Amino acid sequence: MADIILQIAGAMIFMGIACGVVRLVIGRTIVDRIVAIDMLTVISISLIALYAHLSGRFVYIDVALVYGLLSFLAVLAIARFLERRS
């Protein structure tokens, strides 16, 4: 039963990646593309967490946390840059 749930979780993660890439490609404004990139980073964090669970190496959870923090700071920096530009 747990294997089926993990397979469903993996499939949903990859569907989210596909939706994020589509949004990144067809985004009309720069803000749409930034939101798509932020969504892809959140999805990749969940992919790292799933891999950590499957491999039994929970050190990858620390990697996911650091990646999330850096992603958050990058989005803040980009938002501040766009605010000053307009």
N, C-alpha and C. Protein backbone atom coordinates (compact mmCIF):
# COMPACT_ATOMS: atom_id res chain seq x y z
N MET A 1 0.81 -1.19 0.00
CA MET A 1 0.00 0.00 0.00
C MET A 1 0.86 1.26 0.00
N ALA A 2 1.96 1.22 0.78
CA ALA A 2 2.83 2.39 0.84
C ALA A 2 3.54 2.63 -0.49
N ASP A 3 3.84 1.55 -1.20
CA ASP A 3 4.49 1.70 -2.50
C ASP A 3 3.59 2.41 -3.50
N ILE A 4 2.32 2.10 -3.45
CA ILE A 4 1.37 2.74 -4.37
C ILE A 4 1.25 4.23 -4.06
N ILE A 5 1.24 4.56 -2.79
CA ILE A 5 1.15 5.97 -2.39
C ILE A 5 2.39 6.73 -2.84
N LEU A 6 3.56 6.12 -2.70
CA LEU A 6 4.79 6.78 -3.15
C LEU A 6 4.83 6.94 -4.66
N GLN A 7 4.30 5.96 -5.39
CA GLN A 7 4.23 6.09 -6.85
C GLN A 7 3.27 7.19 -7.27
N ILE A 8 2.16 7.29 -6.57
CA ILE A 8 1.20 8.36 -6.86
C ILE A 8 1.82 9.72 -6.55
N ALA A 9 2.54 9.81 -5.45
CA ALA A 9 3.22 11.06 -5.09
C ALA A 9 4.25 11.44 -6.15
N GLY A 10 5.01 10.47 -6.62
CA GLY A 10 5.99 10.75 -7.67
C GLY A 10 5.33 11.21 -8.96
N ALA A 11 4.23 10.56 -9.32
CA ALA A 11 3.51 10.96 -10.54
C ALA A 11 2.95 12.37 -10.41
N MET A 12 2.42 12.71 -9.24
CA MET A 12 1.89 14.05 -9.03
C MET A 12 2.99 15.10 -9.05
N ILE A 13 4.16 14.75 -8.53
CA ILE A 13 5.29 15.68 -8.58
C ILE A 13 5.69 15.95 -10.02
N PHE A 14 5.77 14.91 -10.83
CA PHE A 14 6.16 15.12 -12.22
C PHE A 14 5.08 15.83 -13.03
N MET A 15 3.81 15.65 -12.68
CA MET A 15 2.75 16.43 -13.33
C MET A 15 2.87 17.91 -12.94
N GLY A 16 3.23 18.17 -11.70
CA GLY A 16 3.45 19.54 -11.27
C GLY A 16 4.62 20.19 -11.99
N ILE A 17 5.67 19.41 -12.21
CA ILE A 17 6.82 19.93 -12.97
C ILE A 17 6.40 20.28 -14.40
N ALA A 18 5.60 19.42 -15.01
CA ALA A 18 5.13 19.69 -16.37
C ALA A 18 4.29 20.97 -16.41
N CYS A 19 3.40 21.13 -15.45
CA CYS A 19 2.57 22.35 -15.40
C CYS A 19 3.43 23.59 -15.17
N GLY A 20 4.43 23.48 -14.33
CA GLY A 20 5.32 24.61 -14.07
C GLY A 20 6.13 25.00 -15.29
N VAL A 21 6.60 24.02 -16.04
CA VAL A 21 7.36 24.32 -17.26
C VAL A 21 6.47 24.97 -18.30
N VAL A 22 5.24 24.49 -18.42
CA VAL A 22 4.30 25.10 -19.37
C VAL A 22 4.04 26.55 -18.98
N ARG A 23 3.83 26.80 -17.70
CA ARG A 23 3.60 28.17 -17.23
C ARG A 23 4.82 29.05 -17.47
N LEU A 24 6.00 28.46 -17.32
CA LEU A 24 7.24 29.20 -17.55
C LEU A 24 7.38 29.58 -19.02
N VAL A 25 6.98 28.69 -19.90
CA VAL A 25 7.13 28.95 -21.33
C VAL A 25 6.09 29.95 -21.84
N ILE A 26 4.84 29.79 -21.41
CA ILE A 26 3.79 30.65 -21.97
C ILE A 26 3.45 31.84 -21.08
N GLY A 27 4.22 32.09 -20.05
CA GLY A 27 3.96 33.23 -19.18
C GLY A 27 4.08 34.54 -19.94
N ARG A 28 3.09 35.38 -19.79
CA ARG A 28 3.07 36.64 -20.56
C ARG A 28 3.99 37.69 -19.96
N THR A 29 4.04 37.74 -18.65
CA THR A 29 4.85 38.77 -18.00
C THR A 29 6.00 38.12 -17.24
N ILE A 30 6.91 38.96 -16.80
CA ILE A 30 8.06 38.46 -16.04
C ILE A 30 7.61 37.94 -14.68
N VAL A 31 6.53 38.50 -14.15
CA VAL A 31 6.03 38.04 -12.86
C VAL A 31 5.48 36.62 -12.98
N ASP A 32 4.79 36.33 -14.08
CA ASP A 32 4.30 34.96 -14.32
C ASP A 32 5.46 33.97 -14.35
N ARG A 33 6.52 34.35 -14.98
CA ARG A 33 7.67 33.45 -15.09
C ARG A 33 8.38 33.28 -13.74
N ILE A 34 8.44 34.33 -12.95
CA ILE A 34 9.06 34.22 -11.64
C ILE A 34 8.24 33.32 -10.73
N VAL A 35 6.93 33.45 -10.79
CA VAL A 35 6.06 32.59 -10.00
C VAL A 35 6.21 31.14 -10.44
N ALA A 36 6.34 30.91 -11.75
CA ALA A 36 6.55 29.55 -12.25
C ALA A 36 7.87 28.97 -11.76
N ILE A 37 8.91 29.77 -11.76
CA ILE A 37 10.20 29.30 -11.26
C ILE A 37 10.12 29.00 -9.76
N ASP A 38 9.42 29.84 -9.02
CA ASP A 38 9.26 29.59 -7.59
C ASP A 38 8.45 28.31 -7.36
N MET A 39 7.44 28.09 -8.18
CA MET A 39 6.66 26.86 -8.06
C MET A 39 7.53 25.63 -8.38
N LEU A 40 8.39 25.75 -9.36
CA LEU A 40 9.27 24.64 -9.70
C LEU A 40 10.27 24.35 -8.58
N THR A 41 10.71 25.38 -7.88
CA THR A 41 11.62 25.11 -6.77
C THR A 41 10.89 24.41 -5.62
N VAL A 42 9.65 24.80 -5.37
CA VAL A 42 8.88 24.12 -4.32
C VAL A 42 8.65 22.66 -4.69
N ILE A 43 8.34 22.42 -5.96
CA ILE A 43 8.12 21.05 -6.41
C ILE A 43 9.42 20.24 -6.33
N SER A 44 10.54 20.88 -6.68
CA SER A 44 11.80 20.14 -6.61
C SER A 44 12.19 19.85 -5.15
N ILE A 45 11.78 20.70 -4.22
CA ILE A 45 12.01 20.42 -2.81
C ILE A 45 11.23 19.18 -2.40
N SER A 46 10.00 19.06 -2.87
CA SER A 46 9.22 17.86 -2.56
C SER A 46 9.82 16.63 -3.22
N LEU A 47 10.40 16.79 -4.39
CA LEU A 47 11.07 15.67 -5.06
C LEU A 47 12.31 15.23 -4.27
N ILE A 48 13.06 16.18 -3.73
CA ILE A 48 14.21 15.85 -2.90
C ILE A 48 13.77 15.13 -1.64
N ALA A 49 12.68 15.59 -1.04
CA ALA A 49 12.17 14.94 0.17
C ALA A 49 11.69 13.52 -0.12
N LEU A 50 11.05 13.33 -1.26
CA LEU A 50 10.61 11.98 -1.65
C LEU A 50 11.81 11.07 -1.87
N TYR A 51 12.84 11.60 -2.51
CA TYR A 51 14.04 10.80 -2.73
C TYR A 51 14.72 10.46 -1.41
N ALA A 52 14.72 11.40 -0.48
CA ALA A 52 15.31 11.14 0.84
C ALA A 52 14.57 10.01 1.54
N HIS A 53 13.27 9.99 1.41
CA HIS A 53 12.48 8.93 2.03
C HIS A 53 12.74 7.58 1.37
N LEU A 54 12.79 7.59 0.04
CA LEU A 54 12.98 6.33 -0.68
C LEU A 54 14.38 5.75 -0.46
N SER A 55 15.39 6.62 -0.40
CA SER A 55 16.76 6.13 -0.25
C SER A 55 17.13 5.88 1.21
N GLY A 56 16.37 6.45 2.12
CA GLY A 56 16.69 6.28 3.54
C GLY A 56 17.81 7.19 4.02
N ARG A 57 18.20 8.14 3.21
CA ARG A 57 19.25 9.09 3.58
C ARG A 57 18.59 10.43 3.90
N PHE A 58 18.38 10.66 5.16
CA PHE A 58 17.63 11.83 5.56
C PHE A 58 18.48 13.09 5.63
N VAL A 59 19.74 12.99 5.23
CA VAL A 59 20.57 14.19 5.12
C VAL A 59 20.08 15.06 3.96
N TYR A 60 19.38 14.46 3.01
CA TYR A 60 18.83 15.22 1.89
C TYR A 60 17.73 16.18 2.33
N ILE A 61 17.12 15.93 3.47
CA ILE A 61 16.13 16.86 4.00
C ILE A 61 16.79 18.20 4.33
N ASP A 62 18.02 18.14 4.85
CA ASP A 62 18.77 19.37 5.11
C ASP A 62 19.06 20.12 3.81
N VAL A 63 19.38 19.37 2.77
CA VAL A 63 19.62 19.98 1.47
C VAL A 63 18.34 20.67 0.97
N ALA A 64 17.21 20.02 1.14
CA ALA A 64 15.94 20.61 0.71
C ALA A 64 15.62 21.88 1.50
N LEU A 65 15.90 21.88 2.80
CA LEU A 65 15.65 23.07 3.61
C LEU A 65 16.53 24.24 3.19
N VAL A 66 17.79 23.98 2.93
CA VAL A 66 18.69 25.05 2.48
C VAL A 66 18.28 25.55 1.10
N TYR A 67 17.89 24.64 0.24
CA TYR A 67 17.42 25.03 -1.10
C TYR A 67 16.16 25.89 -1.00
N GLY A 68 15.27 25.55 -0.10
CA GLY A 68 14.06 26.35 0.08
C GLY A 68 14.38 27.75 0.60
N LEU A 69 15.31 27.85 1.52
CA LEU A 69 15.70 29.14 2.06
C LEU A 69 16.35 30.01 0.99
N LEU A 70 17.23 29.43 0.20
CA LEU A 70 17.88 30.19 -0.87
C LEU A 70 16.88 30.60 -1.94
N SER A 71 15.92 29.74 -2.23
CA SER A 71 14.89 30.08 -3.21
C SER A 71 14.05 31.25 -2.71
N PHE A 72 13.67 31.22 -1.45
CA PHE A 72 12.89 32.31 -0.88
C PHE A 72 13.65 33.62 -0.96
N LEU A 73 14.93 33.60 -0.62
CA LEU A 73 15.73 34.83 -0.67
C LEU A 73 15.90 35.33 -2.10
N ALA A 74 16.02 34.40 -3.04
CA ALA A 74 16.15 34.81 -4.44
C ALA A 74 14.88 35.46 -4.95
N VAL A 75 13.73 34.93 -4.58
CA VAL A 75 12.47 35.53 -5.02
C VAL A 75 12.30 36.92 -4.39
N LEU A 76 12.69 37.07 -3.14
CA LEU A 76 12.64 38.40 -2.52
C LEU A 76 13.56 39.39 -3.23
N ALA A 77 14.74 38.95 -3.59
CA ALA A 77 15.68 39.84 -4.29
C ALA A 77 15.14 40.23 -5.66
N ILE A 78 14.56 39.30 -6.37
CA ILE A 78 14.00 39.60 -7.69
C ILE A 78 12.81 40.54 -7.56
N ALA A 79 11.96 40.31 -6.56
CA ALA A 79 10.81 41.19 -6.36
C ALA A 79 11.26 42.61 -6.02
N ARG A 80 12.29 42.72 -5.23
CA ARG A 80 12.81 44.05 -4.88
C ARG A 80 13.41 44.74 -6.11
N PHE A 81 14.10 43.97 -6.93
CA PHE A 81 14.66 44.53 -8.17
C PHE A 81 13.55 45.01 -9.09
N LEU A 82 12.50 44.21 -9.25
CA LEU A 82 11.40 44.61 -10.13
C LEU A 82 10.63 45.80 -9.57
N GLU A 83 10.55 45.90 -8.27
CA GLU A 83 9.86 47.04 -7.65
C GLU A 83 10.62 48.34 -7.92
N ARG A 84 11.92 48.28 -7.84
CA ARG A 84 12.72 49.49 -8.11
C ARG A 84 12.71 49.85 -9.59
N ARG A 85 12.63 48.85 -10.44
CA ARG A 85 12.68 49.08 -11.88
C ARG A 85 11.42 49.79 -12.40
N SER A 86 10.28 49.50 -11.80
CA SER A 86 9.04 50.09 -12.32
C SER A 86 8.66 51.37 -11.66
